[in-house]
Amino acid sequence: NNVAMLLEANYRERLLTVYNEVKKRLDYQVAMQNLKHQKEQDHM
């Protein structure tokens, strides 16, 4: 049971790491889109 719990915790930790990395990339893309719209709006 301890080994199974350790494996489950490791699996969930990796899932959290993947989620955080994907979220960072998506936030970066969103920030780039917002910056682009902001620059376009300011220019306009």
All heavy atoms as atom14 arrays in JSON, in Angstrom:
{
  "sequence": "NNVAMLLEANYRERLLTVYNEVKKRLDYQVAMQNLKHQKEQDHM",
  "atom14_mask": [
    [1, 1, 1, 1, 1, 1, 1, 1, 0, 0, 0, 0, 0, 0],
    [1, 1, 1, 1, 1, 1, 1, 1, 0, 0, 0, 0, 0, 0],
    [1, 1, 1, 1, 1, 1, 1, 0, 0, 0, 0, 0, 0, 0],
    [1, 1, 1, 1, 1, 0, 0, 0, 0, 0, 0, 0, 0, 0],
    [1, 1, 1, 1, 1, 1, 1, 1, 0, 0, 0, 0, 0, 0],
    [1, 1, 1, 1, 1, 1, 1, 1, 0, 0, 0, 0, 0, 0],
    [1, 1, 1, 1, 1, 1, 1, 1, 0, 0, 0, 0, 0, 0],
    [1, 1, 1, 1, 1, 1, 1, 1, 1, 0, 0, 0, 0, 0],
    [1, 1, 1, 1, 1, 0, 0, 0, 0, 0, 0, 0, 0, 0],
    [1, 1, 1, 1, 1, 1, 1, 1, 0, 0, 0, 0, 0, 0],
    [1, 1, 1, 1, 1, 1, 1, 1, 1, 1, 1, 1, 0, 0],
    [1, 1, 1, 1, 1, 1, 1, 1, 1, 1, 1, 0, 0, 0],
    [1, 1, 1, 1, 1, 1, 1, 1, 1, 0, 0, 0, 0, 0],
    [1, 1, 1, 1, 1, 1, 1, 1, 1, 1, 1, 0, 0, 0],
    [1, 1, 1, 1, 1, 1, 1, 1, 0, 0, 0, 0, 0, 0],
    [1, 1, 1, 1, 1, 1, 1, 1, 0, 0, 0, 0, 0, 0],
    [1, 1, 1, 1, 1, 1, 1, 0, 0, 0, 0, 0, 0, 0],
    [1, 1, 1, 1, 1, 1, 1, 0, 0, 0, 0, 0, 0, 0],
    [1, 1, 1, 1, 1, 1, 1, 1, 1, 1, 1, 1, 0, 0],
    [1, 1, 1, 1, 1, 1, 1, 1, 0, 0, 0, 0, 0, 0],
    [1, 1, 1, 1, 1, 1, 1, 1, 1, 0, 0, 0, 0, 0],
    [1, 1, 1, 1, 1, 1, 1, 0, 0, 0, 0, 0, 0, 0],
    [1, 1, 1, 1, 1, 1, 1, 1, 1, 0, 0, 0, 0, 0],
    [1, 1, 1, 1, 1, 1, 1, 1, 1, 0, 0, 0, 0, 0],
    [1, 1, 1, 1, 1, 1, 1, 1, 1, 1, 1, 0, 0, 0],
    [1, 1, 1, 1, 1, 1, 1, 1, 0, 0, 0, 0, 0, 0],
    [1, 1, 1, 1, 1, 1, 1, 1, 0, 0, 0, 0, 0, 0],
    [1, 1, 1, 1, 1, 1, 1, 1, 1, 1, 1, 1, 0, 0],
    [1, 1, 1, 1, 1, 1, 1, 1, 1, 0, 0, 0, 0, 0],
    [1, 1, 1, 1, 1, 1, 1, 0, 0, 0, 0, 0, 0, 0],
    [1, 1, 1, 1, 1, 0, 0, 0, 0, 0, 0, 0, 0, 0],
    [1, 1, 1, 1, 1, 1, 1, 1, 0, 0, 0, 0, 0, 0],
    [1, 1, 1, 1, 1, 1, 1, 1, 1, 0, 0, 0, 0, 0],
    [1, 1, 1, 1, 1, 1, 1, 1, 0, 0, 0, 0, 0, 0],
    [1, 1, 1, 1, 1, 1, 1, 1, 0, 0, 0, 0, 0, 0],
    [1, 1, 1, 1, 1, 1, 1, 1, 1, 0, 0, 0, 0, 0],
    [1, 1, 1, 1, 1, 1, 1, 1, 1, 1, 0, 0, 0, 0],
    [1, 1, 1, 1, 1, 1, 1, 1, 1, 0, 0, 0, 0, 0],
    [1, 1, 1, 1, 1, 1, 1, 1, 1, 0, 0, 0, 0, 0],
    [1, 1, 1, 1, 1, 1, 1, 1, 1, 0, 0, 0, 0, 0],
    [1, 1, 1, 1, 1, 1, 1, 1, 1, 0, 0, 0, 0, 0],
    [1, 1, 1, 1, 1, 1, 1, 1, 0, 0, 0, 0, 0, 0],
    [1, 1, 1, 1, 1, 1, 1, 1, 1, 1, 0, 0, 0, 0],
    [1, 1, 1, 1, 1, 1, 1, 1, 0, 0, 0, 0, 0, 0]
  ],
  "atom14_positions": [
    [[0.82, -1.21, 0.0], [0.0, 0.0, 0.0], [0.86, 1.26, 0.0], [0.54, 2.25, -0.69], [-0.92, -0.01, 1.22], [-1.96, -1.11, 1.14], [-2.37, -1.51, 0.05], [-2.4, -1.62, 2.28], [0.0, 0.0, 0.0], [0.0, 0.0, 0.0], [0.0, 0.0, 0.0], [0.0, 0.0, 0.0], [0.0, 0.0, 0.0], [0.0, 0.0, 0.0]],
    [[1.96, 1.23, 0.77], [2.86, 2.38, 0.8], [3.48, 2.63, -0.57], [3.58, 3.77, -1.04], [3.95, 2.18, 1.85], [3.41, 2.22, 3.27], [2.39, 2.85, 3.52], [4.09, 1.56, 4.18], [0.0, 0.0, 0.0], [0.0, 0.0, 0.0], [0.0, 0.0, 0.0], [0.0, 0.0, 0.0], [0.0, 0.0, 0.0], [0.0, 0.0, 0.0]],
    [[3.9, 1.53, -1.21], [4.49, 1.68, -2.55], [3.46, 2.21, -3.54], [3.75, 3.08, -4.38], [5.07, 0.33, -3.01], [5.5, 0.4, -4.47], [6.27, -0.06, -2.14], [0.0, 0.0, 0.0], [0.0, 0.0, 0.0], [0.0, 0.0, 0.0], [0.0, 0.0, 0.0], [0.0, 0.0, 0.0], [0.0, 0.0, 0.0], [0.0, 0.0, 0.0]],
    [[2.21, 1.69, -3.43], [1.16, 2.18, -4.33], [0.87, 3.65, -4.09], [0.68, 4.43, -5.05], [-0.11, 1.35, -4.12], [0.0, 0.0, 0.0], [0.0, 0.0, 0.0], [0.0, 0.0, 0.0], [0.0, 0.0, 0.0], [0.0, 0.0, 0.0], [0.0, 0.0, 0.0], [0.0, 0.0, 0.0], [0.0, 0.0, 0.0], [0.0, 0.0, 0.0]],
    [[0.86, 4.07, -2.81], [0.64, 5.48, -2.5], [1.79, 6.34, -3.02], [1.56, 7.45, -3.56], [0.49, 5.66, -1.0], [-0.79, 5.05, -0.43], [-0.9, 5.17, 1.37], [-0.98, 6.94, 1.57], [0.0, 0.0, 0.0], [0.0, 0.0, 0.0], [0.0, 0.0, 0.0], [0.0, 0.0, 0.0], [0.0, 0.0, 0.0], [0.0, 0.0, 0.0]],
    [[3.03, 5.85, -2.9], [4.16, 6.61, -3.43], [4.07, 6.75, -4.95], [4.33, 7.83, -5.51], [5.47, 5.91, -3.04], [5.86, 5.97, -1.56], [7.1, 5.11, -1.31], [6.14, 7.42, -1.15], [0.0, 0.0, 0.0], [0.0, 0.0, 0.0], [0.0, 0.0, 0.0], [0.0, 0.0, 0.0], [0.0, 0.0, 0.0], [0.0, 0.0, 0.0]],
    [[3.68, 5.65, -5.62], [3.53, 5.72, -7.07], [2.42, 6.69, -7.46], [2.54, 7.46, -8.43], [3.25, 4.32, -7.62], [4.39, 3.31, -7.5], [3.93, 1.95, -7.98], [5.6, 3.75, -8.31], [0.0, 0.0, 0.0], [0.0, 0.0, 0.0], [0.0, 0.0, 0.0], [0.0, 0.0, 0.0], [0.0, 0.0, 0.0], [0.0, 0.0, 0.0]],
    [[1.29, 6.65, -6.7], [0.19, 7.55, -7.01], [0.61, 9.0, -6.78], [0.27, 9.91, -7.58], [-1.01, 7.2, -6.13], [-2.25, 8.01, -6.39], [-2.86, 7.73, -7.75], [-2.56, 6.66, -8.33], [-3.62, 8.59, -8.24], [0.0, 0.0, 0.0], [0.0, 0.0, 0.0], [0.0, 0.0, 0.0], [0.0, 0.0, 0.0], [0.0, 0.0, 0.0]],
    [[1.33, 9.26, -5.67], [1.78, 10.63, -5.39], [2.75, 11.11, -6.47], [2.68, 12.27, -6.93], [2.44, 10.69, -4.01], [0.0, 0.0, 0.0], [0.0, 0.0, 0.0], [0.0, 0.0, 0.0], [0.0, 0.0, 0.0], [0.0, 0.0, 0.0], [0.0, 0.0, 0.0], [0.0, 0.0, 0.0], [0.0, 0.0, 0.0], [0.0, 0.0, 0.0]],
    [[3.65, 10.21, -6.9], [4.59, 10.59, -7.97], [3.85, 10.87, -9.27], [4.16, 11.83, -10.0], [5.6, 9.46, -8.15], [6.77, 9.86, -9.03], [6.9, 11.02, -9.4], [7.62, 8.91, -9.36], [0.0, 0.0, 0.0], [0.0, 0.0, 0.0], [0.0, 0.0, 0.0], [0.0, 0.0, 0.0], [0.0, 0.0, 0.0], [0.0, 0.0, 0.0]],
    [[2.83, 10.04, -9.56], [2.04, 10.25, -10.77], [1.31, 11.59, -10.74], [1.32, 12.35, -11.72], [1.05, 9.09, -10.92], [0.04, 9.27, -12.02], [0.41, 9.19, -13.36], [-1.29, 9.54, -11.72], [-0.51, 9.37, -14.37], [-2.22, 9.72, -12.72], [-1.83, 9.64, -14.04], [-2.74, 9.82, -15.05], [0.0, 0.0, 0.0], [0.0, 0.0, 0.0]],
    [[0.7, 11.88, -9.58], [-0.03, 13.15, -9.46], [0.93, 14.35, -9.5], [0.6, 15.41, -10.04], [-0.84, 13.16, -8.17], [-2.0, 12.19, -8.19], [-2.83, 12.24, -6.93], [-3.93, 11.31, -6.98], [-5.12, 11.58, -7.52], [-5.33, 12.77, -8.08], [-6.08, 10.67, -7.52], [0.0, 0.0, 0.0], [0.0, 0.0, 0.0], [0.0, 0.0, 0.0]],
    [[2.11, 14.16, -8.93], [3.11, 15.24, -8.99], [3.53, 15.51, -10.43], [3.67, 16.67, -10.85], [4.31, 14.85, -8.13], [5.37, 15.94, -8.04], [6.53, 15.54, -7.16], [6.48, 14.43, -6.59], [7.48, 16.32, -7.04], [0.0, 0.0, 0.0], [0.0, 0.0, 0.0], [0.0, 0.0, 0.0], [0.0, 0.0, 0.0], [0.0, 0.0, 0.0]],
    [[3.71, 14.45, -11.19], [4.06, 14.64, -12.6], [2.91, 15.28, -13.37], [3.14, 16.13, -14.25], [4.43, 13.3, -13.21], [5.74, 12.72, -12.69], [6.06, 11.4, -13.35], [7.33, 10.87, -12.87], [7.86, 9.7, -13.27], [7.21, 8.97, -14.16], [9.02, 9.3, -12.79], [0.0, 0.0, 0.0], [0.0, 0.0, 0.0], [0.0, 0.0, 0.0]],
    [[1.66, 14.87, -13.03], [0.51, 15.51, -13.68], [0.47, 17.0, -13.37], [0.19, 17.84, -14.24], [-0.79, 14.84, -13.23], [-1.11, 13.48, -13.82], [-2.42, 12.95, -13.23], [-1.19, 13.53, -15.33], [0.0, 0.0, 0.0], [0.0, 0.0, 0.0], [0.0, 0.0, 0.0], [0.0, 0.0, 0.0], [0.0, 0.0, 0.0], [0.0, 0.0, 0.0]],
    [[0.75, 17.35, -12.11], [0.77, 18.77, -11.73], [1.88, 19.52, -12.46], [1.69, 20.66, -12.9], [0.96, 18.88, -10.21], [0.99, 20.3, -9.63], [-0.32, 21.02, -9.92], [1.29, 20.26, -8.14], [0.0, 0.0, 0.0], [0.0, 0.0, 0.0], [0.0, 0.0, 0.0], [0.0, 0.0, 0.0], [0.0, 0.0, 0.0], [0.0, 0.0, 0.0]],
    [[3.04, 18.85, -12.62], [4.13, 19.49, -13.34], [3.75, 19.73, -14.79], [4.0, 20.83, -15.35], [5.39, 18.61, -13.25], [5.72, 18.4, -11.88], [6.57, 19.26, -13.96], [0.0, 0.0, 0.0], [0.0, 0.0, 0.0], [0.0, 0.0, 0.0], [0.0, 0.0, 0.0], [0.0, 0.0, 0.0], [0.0, 0.0, 0.0], [0.0, 0.0, 0.0]],
    [[3.12, 18.72, -15.4], [2.69, 18.88, -16.8], [1.64, 19.99, -16.91], [1.67, 20.83, -17.83], [2.14, 17.54, -17.32], [1.49, 17.73, -18.69], [3.27, 16.52, -17.42], [0.0, 0.0, 0.0], [0.0, 0.0, 0.0], [0.0, 0.0, 0.0], [0.0, 0.0, 0.0], [0.0, 0.0, 0.0], [0.0, 0.0, 0.0], [0.0, 0.0, 0.0]],
    [[0.7, 20.02, -15.94], [-0.34, 21.06, -15.95], [0.27, 22.45, -15.82], [-0.11, 23.39, -16.55], [-1.32, 20.79, -14.8], [-2.28, 21.91, -14.54], [-3.39, 22.12, -15.36], [-2.07, 22.79, -13.47], [-4.26, 23.17, -15.13], [-2.93, 23.83, -13.23], [-4.04, 24.02, -14.06], [-4.89, 25.06, -13.83], [0.0, 0.0, 0.0], [0.0, 0.0, 0.0]],
    [[1.22, 22.59, -14.91], [1.86, 23.9, -14.73], [2.63, 24.33, -15.97], [2.59, 25.5, -16.37], [2.8, 23.86, -13.52], [2.04, 23.73, -12.21], [0.91, 24.22, -12.09], [2.65, 23.09, -11.22], [0.0, 0.0, 0.0], [0.0, 0.0, 0.0], [0.0, 0.0, 0.0], [0.0, 0.0, 0.0], [0.0, 0.0, 0.0], [0.0, 0.0, 0.0]],
    [[3.33, 23.38, -16.6], [4.09, 23.73, -17.8], [3.17, 24.12, -18.94], [3.41, 25.11, -19.66], [4.98, 22.54, -18.2], [6.1, 22.22, -17.21], [7.1, 23.35, -17.11], [7.3, 24.07, -18.12], [7.67, 23.53, -16.02], [0.0, 0.0, 0.0], [0.0, 0.0, 0.0], [0.0, 0.0, 0.0], [0.0, 0.0, 0.0], [0.0, 0.0, 0.0]],
    [[2.09, 23.33, -19.1], [1.14, 23.67, -20.18], [0.47, 25.01, -19.89], [0.27, 25.84, -20.8], [0.1, 22.55, -20.32], [-1.01, 22.95, -21.29], [0.78, 21.26, -20.81], [0.0, 0.0, 0.0], [0.0, 0.0, 0.0], [0.0, 0.0, 0.0], [0.0, 0.0, 0.0], [0.0, 0.0, 0.0], [0.0, 0.0, 0.0], [0.0, 0.0, 0.0]],
    [[0.13, 25.26, -18.61], [-0.49, 26.54, -18.24], [0.45, 27.71, -18.5], [0.03, 28.78, -18.96], [-0.89, 26.49, -16.76], [-1.67, 27.73, -16.3], [-2.12, 27.55, -14.87], [-2.89, 28.79, -14.41], [-2.11, 30.03, -14.46], [0.0, 0.0, 0.0], [0.0, 0.0, 0.0], [0.0, 0.0, 0.0], [0.0, 0.0, 0.0], [0.0, 0.0, 0.0]],
    [[1.74, 27.52, -18.22], [2.7, 28.58, -18.48], [2.75, 28.9, -19.97], [2.75, 30.09, -20.37], [4.08, 28.17, -18.0], [4.23, 28.17, -16.49], [5.63, 27.72, -16.1], [5.8, 27.68, -14.58], [7.16, 27.23, -14.19], [0.0, 0.0, 0.0], [0.0, 0.0, 0.0], [0.0, 0.0, 0.0], [0.0, 0.0, 0.0], [0.0, 0.0, 0.0]],
    [[2.78, 27.83, -20.79], [2.84, 28.08, -22.24], [1.56, 28.76, -22.74], [1.59, 29.67, -23.59], [3.07, 26.76, -22.97], [4.51, 26.25, -22.82], [4.66, 24.85, -23.4], [6.05, 24.42, -23.44], [6.76, 24.01, -22.4], [6.2, 23.98, -21.2], [8.02, 23.64, -22.54], [0.0, 0.0, 0.0], [0.0, 0.0, 0.0], [0.0, 0.0, 0.0]],
    [[0.41, 28.29, -22.2], [-0.85, 28.93, -22.61], [-0.93, 30.37, -22.12], [-1.4, 31.27, -22.85], [-2.03, 28.12, -22.08], [-2.2, 26.72, -22.68], [-3.35, 25.99, -22.01], [-2.44, 26.81, -24.2], [0.0, 0.0, 0.0], [0.0, 0.0, 0.0], [0.0, 0.0, 0.0], [0.0, 0.0, 0.0], [0.0, 0.0, 0.0], [0.0, 0.0, 0.0]],
    [[-0.48, 30.62, -20.89], [-0.44, 32.0, -20.38], [0.49, 32.87, -21.21], [0.19, 34.07, -21.45], [0.0, 32.0, -18.91], [-1.03, 31.37, -17.99], [-2.22, 31.28, -18.39], [-0.65, 30.95, -16.87], [0.0, 0.0, 0.0], [0.0, 0.0, 0.0], [0.0, 0.0, 0.0], [0.0, 0.0, 0.0], [0.0, 0.0, 0.0], [0.0, 0.0, 0.0]],
    [[1.57, 32.28, -21.65], [2.49, 33.04, -22.51], [1.82, 33.41, -23.82], [1.94, 34.57, -24.29], [3.75, 32.21, -22.74], [4.71, 32.82, -23.71], [5.51, 33.9, -23.35], [4.81, 32.33, -25.02], [6.39, 34.47, -24.25], [5.69, 32.9, -25.93], [6.48, 33.97, -25.54], [7.34, 34.53, -26.43], [0.0, 0.0, 0.0], [0.0, 0.0, 0.0]],
    [[1.09, 32.42, -24.39], [0.4, 32.71, -25.65], [-0.68, 33.77, -25.44], [-0.86, 34.69, -26.28], [-0.2, 31.42, -26.22], [0.82, 30.38, -26.63], [1.69, 30.83, -27.77], [1.25, 31.63, -28.66], [2.94, 30.37, -27.8], [0.0, 0.0, 0.0], [0.0, 0.0, 0.0], [0.0, 0.0, 0.0], [0.0, 0.0, 0.0], [0.0, 0.0, 0.0]],
    [[-1.42, 33.65, -24.32], [-2.47, 34.64, -24.03], [-1.85, 36.02, -23.83], [-2.37, 37.05, -24.31], [-3.28, 34.21, -22.8], [-4.21, 35.33, -22.34], [-4.09, 32.95, -23.12], [0.0, 0.0, 0.0], [0.0, 0.0, 0.0], [0.0, 0.0, 0.0], [0.0, 0.0, 0.0], [0.0, 0.0, 0.0], [0.0, 0.0, 0.0], [0.0, 0.0, 0.0]],
    [[-0.73, 36.06, -23.09], [-0.06, 37.34, -22.86], [0.43, 37.93, -24.18], [0.34, 39.17, -24.41], [1.11, 37.15, -21.88], [0.0, 0.0, 0.0], [0.0, 0.0, 0.0], [0.0, 0.0, 0.0], [0.0, 0.0, 0.0], [0.0, 0.0, 0.0], [0.0, 0.0, 0.0], [0.0, 0.0, 0.0], [0.0, 0.0, 0.0], [0.0, 0.0, 0.0]],
    [[0.94, 37.07, -25.06], [1.38, 37.56, -26.37], [0.21, 38.11, -27.17], [0.31, 39.19, -27.81], [2.06, 36.44, -27.14], [3.41, 36.01, -26.57], [4.67, 37.32, -26.67], [4.86, 37.43, -28.45], [0.0, 0.0, 0.0], [0.0, 0.0, 0.0], [0.0, 0.0, 0.0], [0.0, 0.0, 0.0], [0.0, 0.0, 0.0], [0.0, 0.0, 0.0]],
    [[-0.94, 37.39, -27.13], [-2.11, 37.89, -27.85], [-2.62, 39.21, -27.27], [-2.96, 40.16, -28.0], [-3.22, 36.82, -27.8], [-2.91, 35.55, -28.55], [-2.86, 35.77, -30.06], [-3.53, 36.68, -30.6], [-2.05, 34.96, -30.76], [0.0, 0.0, 0.0], [0.0, 0.0, 0.0], [0.0, 0.0, 0.0], [0.0, 0.0, 0.0], [0.0, 0.0, 0.0]],
    [[-2.65, 39.27, -25.91], [-3.1, 40.53, -25.28], [-2.16, 41.69, -25.6], [-2.6, 42.83, -25.85], [-3.2, 40.34, -23.76], [-4.31, 39.38, -23.37], [-5.3, 39.26, -24.12], [-4.17, 38.71, -22.25], [0.0, 0.0, 0.0], [0.0, 0.0, 0.0], [0.0, 0.0, 0.0], [0.0, 0.0, 0.0], [0.0, 0.0, 0.0], [0.0, 0.0, 0.0]],
    [[-0.86, 41.4, -25.56], [0.1, 42.44, -25.88], [-0.05, 42.91, -27.33], [0.02, 44.12, -27.62], [1.51, 41.92, -25.62], [2.67, 42.89, -25.91], [2.56, 44.14, -25.01], [4.02, 42.2, -25.71], [0.0, 0.0, 0.0], [0.0, 0.0, 0.0], [0.0, 0.0, 0.0], [0.0, 0.0, 0.0], [0.0, 0.0, 0.0], [0.0, 0.0, 0.0]],
    [[-0.28, 41.93, -28.18], [-0.45, 42.27, -29.59], [-1.69, 43.16, -29.78], [-1.64, 44.2, -30.49], [-0.57, 40.99, -30.41], [-0.69, 41.24, -31.91], [-0.74, 39.92, -32.66], [-0.89, 40.18, -34.16], [-0.96, 38.91, -34.91], [0.0, 0.0, 0.0], [0.0, 0.0, 0.0], [0.0, 0.0, 0.0], [0.0, 0.0, 0.0], [0.0, 0.0, 0.0]],
    [[-2.83, 42.76, -29.12], [-4.05, 43.56, -29.23], [-3.85, 44.95, -28.61], [-4.33, 45.96, -29.16], [-5.21, 42.85, -28.55], [-5.67, 41.63, -29.28], [-6.06, 41.64, -30.62], [-5.82, 40.33, -28.88], [-6.42, 40.45, -31.01], [-6.27, 39.61, -29.97], [0.0, 0.0, 0.0], [0.0, 0.0, 0.0], [0.0, 0.0, 0.0], [0.0, 0.0, 0.0]],
    [[-3.1, 44.99, -27.47], [-2.85, 46.27, -26.83], [-2.01, 47.18, -27.72], [-2.32, 48.39, -27.88], [-2.13, 46.03, -25.51], [-1.91, 47.3, -24.69], [-3.21, 47.88, -24.16], [-4.17, 47.15, -23.92], [-3.29, 49.2, -24.04], [0.0, 0.0, 0.0], [0.0, 0.0, 0.0], [0.0, 0.0, 0.0], [0.0, 0.0, 0.0], [0.0, 0.0, 0.0]],
    [[-1.01, 46.62, -28.33], [-0.17, 47.43, -29.23], [-0.98, 47.91, -30.45], [-0.84, 49.07, -30.88], [1.05, 46.62, -29.68], [2.04, 46.31, -28.58], [2.67, 47.58, -28.03], [3.7, 47.28, -26.97], [4.26, 48.55, -26.42], [0.0, 0.0, 0.0], [0.0, 0.0, 0.0], [0.0, 0.0, 0.0], [0.0, 0.0, 0.0], [0.0, 0.0, 0.0]],
    [[-1.79, 46.98, -30.98], [-2.61, 47.38, -32.13], [-3.6, 48.48, -31.74], [-3.83, 49.44, -32.49], [-3.35, 46.15, -32.67], [-2.43, 45.15, -33.36], [-3.19, 43.92, -33.83], [-4.39, 43.81, -33.47], [-2.59, 43.07, -34.54], [0.0, 0.0, 0.0], [0.0, 0.0, 0.0], [0.0, 0.0, 0.0], [0.0, 0.0, 0.0], [0.0, 0.0, 0.0]],
    [[-4.2, 48.31, -30.53], [-5.16, 49.32, -30.09], [-4.48, 50.66, -29.85], [-5.01, 51.73, -30.26], [-5.84, 48.83, -28.81], [-6.97, 49.73, -28.33], [-7.66, 49.14, -27.1], [-7.22, 48.13, -26.6], [-8.72, 49.81, -26.65], [0.0, 0.0, 0.0], [0.0, 0.0, 0.0], [0.0, 0.0, 0.0], [0.0, 0.0, 0.0], [0.0, 0.0, 0.0]],
    [[-3.31, 50.65, -29.2], [-2.58, 51.9, -28.98], [-2.18, 52.55, -30.31], [-2.26, 53.79, -30.47], [-1.34, 51.64, -28.13], [-1.7, 51.22, -26.71], [-2.84, 51.47, -26.26], [-0.83, 50.58, -26.02], [0.0, 0.0, 0.0], [0.0, 0.0, 0.0], [0.0, 0.0, 0.0], [0.0, 0.0, 0.0], [0.0, 0.0, 0.0], [0.0, 0.0, 0.0]],
    [[-1.71, 51.71, -31.21], [-1.32, 52.25, -32.52], [-2.52, 52.86, -33.23], [-2.42, 53.95, -33.86], [-0.7, 51.14, -33.35], [-0.3, 51.58, -34.72], [0.78, 52.44, -34.96], [-0.84, 51.33, -35.95], [0.89, 52.67, -36.24], [-0.09, 52.01, -36.87], [0.0, 0.0, 0.0], [0.0, 0.0, 0.0], [0.0, 0.0, 0.0], [0.0, 0.0, 0.0]],
    [[-3.68, 52.14, -33.11], [-4.88, 52.67, -33.76], [-5.31, 53.99, -33.13], [-5.68, 54.95, -33.83], [-6.01, 51.65, -33.65], [-7.31, 52.07, -34.34], [-7.1, 52.3, -36.14], [-6.81, 50.6, -36.63], [0.0, 0.0, 0.0], [0.0, 0.0, 0.0], [0.0, 0.0, 0.0], [0.0, 0.0, 0.0], [0.0, 0.0, 0.0], [0.0, 0.0, 0.0]]
  ]
}
